[in-house]
């Protein structure tokens, strides 16, 4: 079942929710090149969170398109939240954020929601 809307009224303008949607779409367009290769793979390898890279794993699966060099850091954790693997991934995530994000932001408050 795909949600179309919710029945909960929003009390305040959900500025953080709108900002998150804009940041996600801009990162998809500017950093990930509209999902076109080779830009998509390059962005995932250089900006995405690869657990083996972050944790310094000594062995990785064969055939990985990325080079694991231990260069991931805490900034990678932040940037990777804005990375998407395809148009459908981006659209699906932004759809749910659009529908439910305003209610969560109303409940938590804008600052707490942004930190969350």
PDB file of N, CA and C in Angstrom:
ATOM      1  N   UNK A   1       0.832  -1.158   0.000  1.00  0.00           N
ATOM      2  CA  UNK A   1       0.000   0.000   0.000  1.00  0.00           C
ATOM      3  C   UNK A   1       0.892   1.241   0.000  1.00  0.00           C
ATOM      4  N   UNK A   2       0.686   2.128  -0.944  1.00  0.00           N
ATOM      5  CA  UNK A   2       1.469   3.353  -1.057  1.00  0.00           C
ATOM      6  C   UNK A   2       0.637   4.509  -0.515  1.00  0.00           C
ATOM      7  N   UNK A   3       1.147   5.229   0.488  1.00  0.00           N
ATOM      8  CA  UNK A   3       0.370   6.341   1.047  1.00  0.00           C
ATOM      9  C   UNK A   3       0.300   7.523   0.082  1.00  0.00           C
ATOM     10  N   UNK A   4      -0.852   8.164   0.050  1.00  0.00           N
ATOM     11  CA  UNK A   4      -1.044   9.352  -0.778  1.00  0.00           C
ATOM     12  C   UNK A   4      -0.982  10.598   0.078  1.00  0.00           C
ATOM     13  N   UNK A   5      -1.515  10.500   1.280  1.00  0.00           N
ATOM     14  CA  UNK A   5      -1.501  11.626   2.216  1.00  0.00           C
ATOM     15  C   UNK A   5      -1.785  11.074   3.612  1.00  0.00           C
ATOM     16  N   UNK A   6      -1.668  11.955   4.593  1.00  0.00           N
ATOM     17  CA  UNK A   6      -2.056  11.560   5.941  1.00  0.00           C
ATOM     18  C   UNK A   6      -3.183  12.484   6.402  1.00  0.00           C
ATOM     19  N   UNK A   7      -3.832  12.112   7.486  1.00  0.00           N
ATOM     20  CA  UNK A   7      -4.966  12.879   7.985  1.00  0.00           C
ATOM     21  C   UNK A   7      -4.600  13.806   9.137  1.00  0.00           C
ATOM     22  N   UNK A   8      -3.344  13.800   9.537  1.00  0.00           N
ATOM     23  CA  UNK A   8      -2.915  14.648  10.641  1.00  0.00           C
ATOM     24  C   UNK A   8      -2.644  16.061  10.141  1.00  0.00           C
ATOM     25  N   UNK A   9      -3.293  17.047  10.732  1.00  0.00           N
ATOM     26  CA  UNK A   9      -3.032  18.424  10.297  1.00  0.00           C
ATOM     27  C   UNK A   9      -1.674  18.889  10.807  1.00  0.00           C
ATOM     28  N   UNK A  10      -0.991  19.677   9.995  1.00  0.00           N
ATOM     29  CA  UNK A  10       0.267  20.254  10.450  1.00  0.00           C
ATOM     30  C   UNK A  10      -0.021  21.607  11.090  1.00  0.00           C
ATOM     31  N   UNK A  11       0.673  21.872  12.189  1.00  0.00           N
ATOM     32  CA  UNK A  11       0.434  23.099  12.934  1.00  0.00           C
ATOM     33  C   UNK A  11       1.346  24.235  12.490  1.00  0.00           C
ATOM     34  N   UNK A  12       2.565  23.894  12.121  1.00  0.00           N
ATOM     35  CA  UNK A  12       3.540  24.894  11.678  1.00  0.00           C
ATOM     36  C   UNK A  12       4.085  24.510  10.316  1.00  0.00           C
ATOM     37  N   UNK A  13       4.670  25.479   9.632  1.00  0.00           N
ATOM     38  CA  UNK A  13       5.310  25.218   8.347  1.00  0.00           C
ATOM     39  C   UNK A  13       6.528  24.314   8.578  1.00  0.00           C
ATOM     40  N   UNK A  14       6.585  23.158   7.930  1.00  0.00           N
ATOM     41  CA  UNK A  14       7.680  22.205   8.171  1.00  0.00           C
ATOM     42  C   UNK A  14       8.947  22.583   7.393  1.00  0.00           C
ATOM     43  N   UNK A  15       9.627  23.603   7.850  1.00  0.00           N
ATOM     44  CA  UNK A  15      10.792  24.148   7.146  1.00  0.00           C
ATOM     45  C   UNK A  15      11.917  23.122   7.033  1.00  0.00           C
ATOM     46  N   UNK A  16      12.194  22.384   8.094  1.00  0.00           N
ATOM     47  CA  UNK A  16      13.282  21.394   8.064  1.00  0.00           C
ATOM     48  C   UNK A  16      12.957  20.277   7.078  1.00  0.00           C
ATOM     49  N   UNK A  17      11.722  19.842   7.045  1.00  0.00           N
ATOM     50  CA  UNK A  17      11.314  18.800   6.098  1.00  0.00           C
ATOM     51  C   UNK A  17      11.524  19.279   4.669  1.00  0.00           C
ATOM     52  N   UNK A  18      11.085  20.489   4.368  1.00  0.00           N
ATOM     53  CA  UNK A  18      11.281  21.047   3.028  1.00  0.00           C
ATOM     54  C   UNK A  18      12.763  21.186   2.702  1.00  0.00           C
ATOM     55  N   UNK A  19      13.563  21.633   3.679  1.00  0.00           N
ATOM     56  CA  UNK A  19      15.003  21.787   3.463  1.00  0.00           C
ATOM     57  C   UNK A  19      15.664  20.446   3.186  1.00  0.00           C
ATOM     58  N   UNK A  20      15.255  19.402   3.912  1.00  0.00           N
ATOM     59  CA  UNK A  20      15.820  18.073   3.680  1.00  0.00           C
ATOM     60  C   UNK A  20      15.486  17.558   2.275  1.00  0.00           C
ATOM     61  N   UNK A  21      14.275  17.802   1.830  1.00  0.00           N
ATOM     62  CA  UNK A  21      13.891  17.388   0.478  1.00  0.00           C
ATOM     63  C   UNK A  21      14.733  18.122  -0.554  1.00  0.00           C
ATOM     64  N   UNK A  22      14.896  19.425  -0.390  1.00  0.00           N
ATOM     65  CA  UNK A  22      15.704  20.218  -1.330  1.00  0.00           C
ATOM     66  C   UNK A  22      17.153  19.748  -1.322  1.00  0.00           C
ATOM     67  N   UNK A  23      17.730  19.512  -0.140  1.00  0.00           N
ATOM     68  CA  UNK A  23      19.122  19.049  -0.050  1.00  0.00           C
ATOM     69  C   UNK A  23      19.304  17.685  -0.712  1.00  0.00           C
ATOM     70  N   UNK A  24      18.361  16.787  -0.516  1.00  0.00           N
ATOM     71  CA  UNK A  24      18.453  15.467  -1.144  1.00  0.00           C
ATOM     72  C   UNK A  24      18.386  15.561  -2.662  1.00  0.00           C
ATOM     73  N   UNK A  25      17.462  16.355  -3.179  1.00  0.00           N
ATOM     74  CA  UNK A  25      17.323  16.482  -4.627  1.00  0.00           C
ATOM     75  C   UNK A  25      18.543  17.186  -5.219  1.00  0.00           C
ATOM     76  N   UNK A  26      19.042  18.237  -4.558  1.00  0.00           N
ATOM     77  CA  UNK A  26      20.236  18.928  -5.057  1.00  0.00           C
ATOM     78  C   UNK A  26      21.458  18.011  -5.057  1.00  0.00           C
ATOM     79  N   UNK A  27      21.623  17.205  -4.018  1.00  0.00           N
ATOM     80  CA  UNK A  27      22.763  16.291  -3.999  1.00  0.00           C
ATOM     81  C   UNK A  27      22.642  15.251  -5.111  1.00  0.00           C
ATOM     82  N   UNK A  28      21.426  14.798  -5.373  1.00  0.00           N
ATOM     83  CA  UNK A  28      21.203  13.843  -6.466  1.00  0.00           C
ATOM     84  C   UNK A  28      21.573  14.476  -7.804  1.00  0.00           C
ATOM     85  N   UNK A  29      21.176  15.710  -7.998  1.00  0.00           N
ATOM     86  CA  UNK A  29      21.440  16.378  -9.273  1.00  0.00           C
ATOM     87  C   UNK A  29      22.900  16.795  -9.418  1.00  0.00           C
ATOM     88  N   UNK A  30      23.462  17.420  -8.390  1.00  0.00           N
ATOM     89  CA  UNK A  30      24.804  17.990  -8.500  1.00  0.00           C
ATOM     90  C   UNK A  30      25.922  16.982  -8.213  1.00  0.00           C
ATOM     91  N   UNK A  31      25.781  16.190  -7.165  1.00  0.00           N
ATOM     92  CA  UNK A  31      26.846  15.264  -6.790  1.00  0.00           C
ATOM     93  C   UNK A  31      26.759  13.934  -7.510  1.00  0.00           C
ATOM     94  N   UNK A  32      25.546  13.497  -7.797  1.00  0.00           N
ATOM     95  CA  UNK A  32      25.374  12.176  -8.389  1.00  0.00           C
ATOM     96  C   UNK A  32      25.011  12.230  -9.866  1.00  0.00           C
ATOM     97  N   UNK A  33      25.046  13.402 -10.468  1.00  0.00           N
ATOM     98  CA  UNK A  33      24.868  13.534 -11.916  1.00  0.00           C
ATOM     99  C   UNK A  33      23.593  12.942 -12.464  1.00  0.00           C
ATOM    100  N   UNK A  34      22.462  13.162 -11.791  1.00  0.00           N
ATOM    101  CA  UNK A  34      21.162  12.666 -12.239  1.00  0.00           C
ATOM    102  C   UNK A  34      21.104  11.139 -12.298  1.00  0.00           C
ATOM    103  N   UNK A  35      22.043  10.467 -11.635  1.00  0.00           N
ATOM    104  CA  UNK A  35      22.063   9.009 -11.636  1.00  0.00           C
ATOM    105  C   UNK A  35      22.724   8.394 -12.847  1.00  0.00           C
ATOM    106  N   UNK A  36      23.403   9.216 -13.664  1.00  0.00           N
ATOM    107  CA  UNK A  36      24.058   8.702 -14.867  1.00  0.00           C
ATOM    108  C   UNK A  36      25.436   8.141 -14.518  1.00  0.00           C
ATOM    109  N   UNK A  37      25.808   7.083 -15.197  1.00  0.00           N
ATOM    110  CA  UNK A  37      27.142   6.505 -15.013  1.00  0.00           C
ATOM    111  C   UNK A  37      28.137   7.321 -15.829  1.00  0.00           C
ATOM    112  N   UNK A  38      29.378   7.451 -15.446  1.00  0.00           N
ATOM    113  CA  UNK A  38      30.026   6.854 -14.287  1.00  0.00           C
ATOM    114  C   UNK A  38      29.894   7.716 -13.018  1.00  0.00           C
ATOM    115  N   UNK A  39      29.226   8.841 -13.130  1.00  0.00           N
ATOM    116  CA  UNK A  39      29.121   9.774 -12.005  1.00  0.00           C
ATOM    117  C   UNK A  39      28.440   9.154 -10.782  1.00  0.00           C
ATOM    118  N   UNK A  40      27.422   8.335 -10.998  1.00  0.00           N
ATOM    119  CA  UNK A  40      26.709   7.703  -9.882  1.00  0.00           C
ATOM    120  C   UNK A  40      27.642   6.785  -9.093  1.00  0.00           C
ATOM    121  N   UNK A  41      28.351   5.907  -9.782  1.00  0.00           N
ATOM    122  CA  UNK A  41      29.263   4.987  -9.107  1.00  0.00           C
ATOM    123  C   UNK A  41      30.394   5.741  -8.420  1.00  0.00           C
ATOM    124  N   UNK A  42      30.934   6.772  -9.076  1.00  0.00           N
ATOM    125  CA  UNK A  42      32.001   7.565  -8.471  1.00  0.00           C
ATOM    126  C   UNK A  42      31.529   8.241  -7.196  1.00  0.00           C
ATOM    127  N   UNK A  43      30.309   8.786  -7.222  1.00  0.00           N
ATOM    128  CA  UNK A  43      29.796   9.474  -6.037  1.00  0.00           C
ATOM    129  C   UNK A  43      29.551   8.502  -4.893  1.00  0.00           C
ATOM    130  N   UNK A  44      29.046   7.319  -5.209  1.00  0.00           N
ATOM    131  CA  UNK A  44      28.807   6.326  -4.160  1.00  0.00           C
ATOM    132  C   UNK A  44      30.135   5.864  -3.565  1.00  0.00           C
ATOM    133  N   UNK A  45      31.137   5.656  -4.397  1.00  0.00           N
ATOM    134  CA  UNK A  45      32.438   5.201  -3.906  1.00  0.00           C
ATOM    135  C   UNK A  45      33.153   6.285  -3.100  1.00  0.00           C
ATOM    136  N   UNK A  46      33.050   7.541  -3.512  1.00  0.00           N
ATOM    137  CA  UNK A  46      33.803   8.591  -2.827  1.00  0.00           C
ATOM    138  C   UNK A  46      33.027   9.257  -1.693  1.00  0.00           C
ATOM    139  N   UNK A  47      31.698   9.313  -1.780  1.00  0.00           N
ATOM    140  CA  UNK A  47      30.899  10.022  -0.780  1.00  0.00           C
ATOM    141  C   UNK A  47      29.987   9.126   0.040  1.00  0.00           C
ATOM    142  N   UNK A  48      29.691   7.939  -0.464  1.00  0.00           N
ATOM    143  CA  UNK A  48      28.793   7.029   0.239  1.00  0.00           C
ATOM    144  C   UNK A  48      29.495   6.314   1.384  1.00  0.00           C
ATOM    145  N   UNK A  49      28.712   5.833   2.315  1.00  0.00           N
ATOM    146  CA  UNK A  49      29.255   5.107   3.456  1.00  0.00           C
ATOM    147  C   UNK A  49      29.405   3.638   3.098  1.00  0.00           C
ATOM    148  N   UNK A  50      30.640   3.162   3.091  1.00  0.00           N
ATOM    149  CA  UNK A  50      30.935   1.758   2.852  1.00  0.00           C
ATOM    150  C   UNK A  50      31.425   1.204   4.186  1.00  0.00           C
ATOM    151  N   UNK A  51      30.625   0.361   4.841  1.00  0.00           N
ATOM    152  CA  UNK A  51      30.977  -0.106   6.188  1.00  0.00           C
ATOM    153  C   UNK A  51      32.389  -0.682   6.294  1.00  0.00           C
ATOM    154  N   UNK A  52      32.824  -1.453   5.301  1.00  0.00           N
ATOM    155  CA  UNK A  52      34.169  -2.038   5.352  1.00  0.00           C
ATOM    156  C   UNK A  52      35.235  -0.948   5.365  1.00  0.00           C
ATOM    157  N   UNK A  53      34.979   0.150   4.653  1.00  0.00           N
ATOM    158  CA  UNK A  53      35.925   1.265   4.622  1.00  0.00           C
ATOM    159  C   UNK A  53      35.934   2.009   5.948  1.00  0.00           C
ATOM    160  N   UNK A  54      34.767   2.250   6.507  1.00  0.00           N
ATOM    161  CA  UNK A  54      34.657   2.979   7.768  1.00  0.00           C
ATOM    162  C   UNK A  54      35.273   2.195   8.928  1.00  0.00           C
ATOM    163  N   UNK A  55      35.058   0.884   8.941  1.00  0.00           N
ATOM    164  CA  UNK A  55      35.534   0.057  10.044  1.00  0.00           C
ATOM    165  C   UNK A  55      36.934  -0.508   9.822  1.00  0.00           C
ATOM    166  N   UNK A  56      37.509  -0.222   8.654  1.00  0.00           N
ATOM    167  CA  UNK A  56      38.864  -0.688   8.378  1.00  0.00           C
ATOM    168  C   UNK A  56      38.957  -2.192   8.220  1.00  0.00           C
ATOM    169  N   UNK A  57      37.991  -2.783   7.539  1.00  0.00           N
ATOM    170  CA  UNK A  57      37.990  -4.239   7.346  1.00  0.00           C
ATOM    171  C   UNK A  57      39.209  -4.659   6.536  1.00  0.00           C
ATOM    172  N   UNK A  58      39.777  -5.768   6.911  1.00  0.00           N
ATOM    173  CA  UNK A  58      40.971  -6.238   6.223  1.00  0.00           C
ATOM    174  C   UNK A  58      40.635  -7.066   4.985  1.00  0.00           C
ATOM    175  N   UNK A  59      39.453  -7.647   4.945  1.00  0.00           N
ATOM    176  CA  UNK A  59      39.065  -8.418   3.769  1.00  0.00           C
ATOM    177  C   UNK A  59      37.719  -7.916   3.254  1.00  0.00           C
ATOM    178  N   UNK A  60      37.636  -7.769   1.951  1.00  0.00           N
ATOM    179  CA  UNK A  60      36.410  -7.299   1.307  1.00  0.00           C
ATOM    180  C   UNK A  60      36.041  -8.252   0.182  1.00  0.00           C
ATOM    181  N   UNK A  61      34.774  -8.244  -0.226  1.00  0.00           N
ATOM    182  CA  UNK A  61      34.354  -9.129  -1.325  1.00  0.00           C
ATOM    183  C   UNK A  61      35.060  -8.775  -2.631  1.00  0.00           C
ATOM    184  N   UNK A  62      35.312  -9.768  -3.438  1.00  0.00           N
ATOM    185  CA  UNK A  62      35.913  -9.565  -4.756  1.00  0.00           C
ATOM    186  C   UNK A  62      34.926  -8.879  -5.696  1.00  0.00           C
ATOM    187  N   UNK A  63      35.413  -8.122  -6.642  1.00  0.00           N
ATOM    188  CA  UNK A  63      34.587  -7.499  -7.663  1.00  0.00           C
ATOM    189  C   UNK A  63      33.922  -6.210  -7.240  1.00  0.00           C
ATOM    190  N   UNK A  64      34.302  -5.649  -6.092  1.00  0.00           N
ATOM    191  CA  UNK A  64      33.726  -4.385  -5.632  1.00  0.00           C
ATOM    192  C   UNK A  64      34.223  -3.259  -6.533  1.00  0.00           C
ATOM    193  N   UNK A  65      33.341  -2.382  -7.043  1.00  0.00           N
ATOM    194  CA  UNK A  65      33.809  -1.311  -7.933  1.00  0.00           C
ATOM    195  C   UNK A  65      34.547  -0.194  -7.203  1.00  0.00           C
ATOM    196  N   UNK A  66      34.521  -0.184  -5.877  1.00  0.00           N
ATOM    197  CA  UNK A  66      35.160   0.864  -5.095  1.00  0.00           C
ATOM    198  C   UNK A  66      36.472   0.364  -4.505  1.00  0.00           C
ATOM    199  N   UNK A  67      37.380   1.285  -4.295  1.00  0.00           N
ATOM    200  CA  UNK A  67      38.640   0.963  -3.640  1.00  0.00           C
ATOM    201  C   UNK A  67      38.468   1.235  -2.155  1.00  0.00           C
ATOM    202  N   UNK A  68      38.717   0.250  -1.325  1.00  0.00           N
ATOM    203  CA  UNK A  68      38.617   0.378   0.122  1.00  0.00           C
ATOM    204  C   UNK A  68      39.985   0.788   0.644  1.00  0.00           C
ATOM    205  N   UNK A  69      40.098   2.053   1.076  1.00  0.00           N
ATOM    206  CA  UNK A  69      41.398   2.549   1.516  1.00  0.00           C
ATOM    207  C   UNK A  69      41.374   3.133   2.927  1.00  0.00           C
ATOM    208  N   UNK A  70      40.254   2.967   3.641  1.00  0.00           N
ATOM    209  CA  UNK A  70      40.172   3.471   5.009  1.00  0.00           C
ATOM    210  C   UNK A  70      40.003   4.971   5.106  1.00  0.00           C
ATOM    211  N   UNK A  71      39.535   5.601   4.017  1.00  0.00           N
ATOM    212  CA  UNK A  71      39.426   7.062   4.006  1.00  0.00           C
ATOM    213  C   UNK A  71      38.085   7.576   4.528  1.00  0.00           C
ATOM    214  N   UNK A  72      37.157   6.695   4.852  1.00  0.00           N
ATOM    215  CA  UNK A  72      35.862   7.146   5.383  1.00  0.00           C
ATOM    216  C   UNK A  72      36.053   7.753   6.765  1.00  0.00           C
ATOM    217  N   UNK A  73      35.265   8.801   7.048  1.00  0.00           N
ATOM    218  CA  UNK A  73      35.339   9.456   8.352  1.00  0.00           C
ATOM    219  C   UNK A  73      33.931   9.868   8.777  1.00  0.00           C
ATOM    220  N   UNK A  74      33.837  10.651   9.820  1.00  0.00           N
ATOM    221  CA  UNK A  74      32.526  11.065  10.315  1.00  0.00           C
ATOM    222  C   UNK A  74      31.788  11.955   9.311  1.00  0.00           C
ATOM    223  N   UNK A  75      32.519  12.717   8.497  1.00  0.00           N
ATOM    224  CA  UNK A  75      31.870  13.524   7.466  1.00  0.00           C
ATOM    225  C   UNK A  75      31.159  12.633   6.450  1.00  0.00           C
ATOM    226  N   UNK A  76      31.747  11.483   6.168  1.00  0.00           N
ATOM    227  CA  UNK A  76      31.119  10.521   5.259  1.00  0.00           C
ATOM    228  C   UNK A  76      29.774  10.053   5.801  1.00  0.00           C
ATOM    229  N   UNK A  77      29.678   9.895   7.128  1.00  0.00           N
ATOM    230  CA  UNK A  77      28.406   9.505   7.737  1.00  0.00           C
ATOM    231  C   UNK A  77      27.321  10.534   7.435  1.00  0.00           C
ATOM    232  N   UNK A  78      27.664  11.820   7.503  1.00  0.00           N
ATOM    233  CA  UNK A  78      26.701  12.884   7.222  1.00  0.00           C
ATOM    234  C   UNK A  78      26.348  12.945   5.740  1.00  0.00           C
ATOM    235  N   UNK A  79      27.349  12.954   4.886  1.00  0.00           N
ATOM    236  CA  UNK A  79      27.125  13.071   3.441  1.00  0.00           C
ATOM    237  C   UNK A  79      26.345  11.883   2.901  1.00  0.00           C
ATOM    238  N   UNK A  80      26.620  10.694   3.417  1.00  0.00           N
ATOM    239  CA  UNK A  80      25.972   9.489   2.881  1.00  0.00           C
ATOM    240  C   UNK A  80      24.465   9.488   3.091  1.00  0.00           C
ATOM    241  N   UNK A  81      23.971  10.284   4.033  1.00  0.00           N
ATOM    242  CA  UNK A  81      22.521  10.341   4.251  1.00  0.00           C
ATOM    243  C   UNK A  81      21.787  10.974   3.073  1.00  0.00           C
ATOM    244  N   UNK A  82      22.504  11.690   2.225  1.00  0.00           N
ATOM    245  CA  UNK A  82      21.891  12.369   1.089  1.00  0.00           C
ATOM    246  C   UNK A  82      22.124  11.641  -0.234  1.00  0.00           C
ATOM    247  N   UNK A  83      22.734  10.464  -0.182  1.00  0.00           N
ATOM    248  CA  UNK A  83      23.036   9.703  -1.383  1.00  0.00           C
ATOM    249  C   UNK A  83      21.895   8.739  -1.704  1.00  0.00           C
ATOM    250  N   UNK A  84      21.616   8.571  -2.987  1.00  0.00           N
ATOM    251  CA  UNK A  84      20.572   7.646  -3.441  1.00  0.00           C
ATOM    252  C   UNK A  84      21.097   6.833  -4.608  1.00  0.00           C
ATOM    253  N   UNK A  85      20.567   5.640  -4.779  1.00  0.00           N
ATOM    254  CA  UNK A  85      21.059   4.728  -5.797  1.00  0.00           C
ATOM    255  C   UNK A  85      20.343   4.794  -7.130  1.00  0.00           C
ATOM    256  N   UNK A  86      19.164   5.408  -7.173  1.00  0.00           N
ATOM    257  CA  UNK A  86      18.411   5.491  -8.434  1.00  0.00           C
ATOM    258  C   UNK A  86      17.317   6.554  -8.282  1.00  0.00           C
ATOM    259  N   UNK A  87      16.676   6.859  -9.391  1.00  0.00           N
ATOM    260  CA  UNK A  87      15.554   7.812  -9.350  1.00  0.00           C
ATOM    261  C   UNK A  87      14.447   7.296  -8.441  1.00  0.00           C
ATOM    262  N   UNK A  88      14.137   6.015  -8.538  1.00  0.00           N
ATOM    263  CA  UNK A  88      13.056   5.451  -7.727  1.00  0.00           C
ATOM    264  C   UNK A  88      13.402   5.495  -6.237  1.00  0.00           C
ATOM    265  N   UNK A  89      14.658   5.283  -5.904  1.00  0.00           N
ATOM    266  CA  UNK A  89      15.101   5.371  -4.520  1.00  0.00           C
ATOM    267  C   UNK A  89      14.892   6.796  -4.002  1.00  0.00           C
ATOM    268  N   UNK A  90      15.298   7.778  -4.787  1.00  0.00           N
ATOM    269  CA  UNK A  90      15.128   9.184  -4.406  1.00  0.00           C
ATOM    270  C   UNK A  90      13.647   9.548  -4.281  1.00  0.00           C
ATOM    271  N   UNK A  91      12.862   9.210  -5.285  1.00  0.00           N
ATOM    272  CA  UNK A  91      11.438   9.555  -5.288  1.00  0.00           C
ATOM    273  C   UNK A  91      10.712   8.888  -4.115  1.00  0.00           C
ATOM    274  N   UNK A  92      10.986   7.621  -3.873  1.00  0.00           N
ATOM    275  CA  UNK A  92      10.337   6.912  -2.764  1.00  0.00           C
ATOM    276  C   UNK A  92      10.667   7.534  -1.418  1.00  0.00           C
ATOM    277  N   UNK A  93      11.947   7.821  -1.192  1.00  0.00           N
ATOM    278  CA  UNK A  93      12.336   8.423   0.085  1.00  0.00           C
ATOM    279  C   UNK A  93      11.734   9.813   0.269  1.00  0.00           C
ATOM    280  N   UNK A  94      11.757  10.626  -0.782  1.00  0.00           N
ATOM    281  CA  UNK A  94      11.228  11.995  -0.671  1.00  0.00           C
ATOM    282  C   UNK A  94       9.706  11.985  -0.533  1.00  0.00           C
ATOM    283  N   UNK A  95       9.045  11.006  -1.139  1.00  0.00           N
ATOM    284  CA  UNK A  95       7.588  10.880  -1.021  1.00  0.00           C
ATOM    285  C   UNK A  95       7.200  10.645   0.449  1.00  0.00           C
ATOM    286  N   UNK A  96       7.869   9.700   1.084  1.00  0.00           N
ATOM    287  CA  UNK A  96       7.559   9.406   2.486  1.00  0.00           C
ATOM    288  C   UNK A  96       7.961  10.559   3.400  1.00  0.00           C
ATOM    289  N   UNK A  97       9.071  11.221   3.106  1.00  0.00           N
ATOM    290  CA  UNK A  97       9.468  12.384   3.897  1.00  0.00           C
ATOM    291  C   UNK A  97       8.440  13.496   3.748  1.00  0.00           C
ATOM    292  N   UNK A  98       7.923  13.697   2.551  1.00  0.00           N
ATOM    293  CA  UNK A  98       6.902  14.722   2.292  1.00  0.00           C
ATOM    294  C   UNK A  98       5.623  14.433   3.078  1.00  0.00           C
ATOM    295  N   UNK A  99       5.216  13.171   3.090  1.00  0.00           N
ATOM    296  CA  UNK A  99       3.953  12.802   3.738  1.00  0.00           C
ATOM    297  C   UNK A  99       4.070  12.774   5.261  1.00  0.00           C
ATOM    298  N   UNK A 100       5.139  12.179   5.777  1.00  0.00           N
ATOM    299  CA  UNK A 100       5.232  11.965   7.227  1.00  0.00           C
ATOM    300  C   UNK A 100       6.177  12.920   7.952  1.00  0.00           C
ATOM    301  N   UNK A 101       7.086  13.553   7.237  1.00  0.00           N
ATOM    302  CA  UNK A 101       8.073  14.420   7.873  1.00  0.00           C
ATOM    303  C   UNK A 101       7.473  15.610   8.591  1.00  0.00           C
ATOM    304  N   UNK A 102       6.418  16.194   8.016  1.00  0.00           N
ATOM    305  CA  UNK A 102       5.809  17.375   8.650  1.00  0.00           C
ATOM    306  C   UNK A 102       5.197  17.033  10.008  1.00  0.00           C
ATOM    307  N   UNK A 103       4.612  15.840  10.122  1.00  0.00           N
ATOM    308  CA  UNK A 103       4.031  15.425  11.404  1.00  0.00           C
ATOM    309  C   UNK A 103       5.101  15.155  12.458  1.00  0.00           C
ATOM    310  N   UNK A 104       6.189  14.524  12.042  1.00  0.00           N
ATOM    311  CA  UNK A 104       7.281  14.264  12.974  1.00  0.00           C
ATOM    312  C   UNK A 104       7.913  15.592  13.401  1.00  0.00           C
ATOM    313  N   UNK A 105       8.091  16.495  12.451  1.00  0.00           N
ATOM    314  CA  UNK A 105       8.654  17.810  12.778  1.00  0.00           C
ATOM    315  C   UNK A 105       7.732  18.586  13.714  1.00  0.00           C
ATOM    316  N   UNK A 106       6.428  18.531  13.488  1.00  0.00           N
ATOM    317  CA  UNK A 106       5.465  19.163  14.396  1.00  0.00           C
ATOM    318  C   UNK A 106       5.590  18.608  15.816  1.00  0.00           C
ATOM    319  N   UNK A 107       5.706  17.295  15.911  1.00  0.00           N
ATOM    320  CA  UNK A 107       5.767  16.648  17.213  1.00  0.00           C
ATOM    321  C   UNK A 107       7.077  16.933  17.953  1.00  0.00           C
ATOM    322  N   UNK A 108       8.196  16.891  17.242  1.00  0.00           N
ATOM    323  CA  UNK A 108       9.503  17.059  17.868  1.00  0.00           C
ATOM    324  C   UNK A 108       9.944  18.514  17.972  1.00  0.00           C
ATOM    325  N   UNK A 109       9.450  19.347  17.063  1.00  0.00           N
ATOM    326  CA  UNK A 109       9.975  20.697  16.947  1.00  0.00           C
ATOM    327  C   UNK A 109      11.063  20.701  15.872  1.00  0.00           C
ATOM    328  N   UNK A 110      11.241  21.839  15.229  1.00  0.00           N
ATOM    329  CA  UNK A 110      12.162  21.923  14.086  1.00  0.00           C
ATOM    330  C   UNK A 110      13.606  21.625  14.449  1.00  0.00           C
ATOM    331  N   UNK A 111      14.077  22.172  15.559  1.00  0.00           N
ATOM    332  CA  UNK A 111      15.491  21.987  15.925  1.00  0.00           C
ATOM    333  C   UNK A 111      15.773  20.530  16.283  1.00  0.00           C
ATOM    334  N   UNK A 112      14.933  19.933  17.115  1.00  0.00           N
ATOM    335  CA  UNK A 112      15.128  18.531  17.484  1.00  0.00           C
ATOM    336  C   UNK A 112      15.003  17.613  16.262  1.00  0.00           C
ATOM    337  N   UNK A 113      14.087  17.949  15.349  1.00  0.00           N
ATOM    338  CA  UNK A 113      13.913  17.150  14.136  1.00  0.00           C
ATOM    339  C   UNK A 113      15.160  17.249  13.263  1.00  0.00           C
ATOM    340  N   UNK A 114      15.737  18.430  13.146  1.00  0.00           N
ATOM    341  CA  UNK A 114      16.953  18.609  12.344  1.00  0.00           C
ATOM    342  C   UNK A 114      18.117  17.805  12.928  1.00  0.00           C
ATOM    343  N   UNK A 115      18.239  17.798  14.248  1.00  0.00           N
ATOM    344  CA  UNK A 115      19.296  17.024  14.894  1.00  0.00           C
ATOM    345  C   UNK A 115      19.037  15.537  14.730  1.00  0.00           C
ATOM    346  N   UNK A 116      17.778  15.144  14.843  1.00  0.00           N
ATOM    347  CA  UNK A 116      17.383  13.753  14.686  1.00  0.00           C
ATOM    348  C   UNK A 116      17.710  13.266  13.296  1.00  0.00           C
TER     349      UNK A 116
END
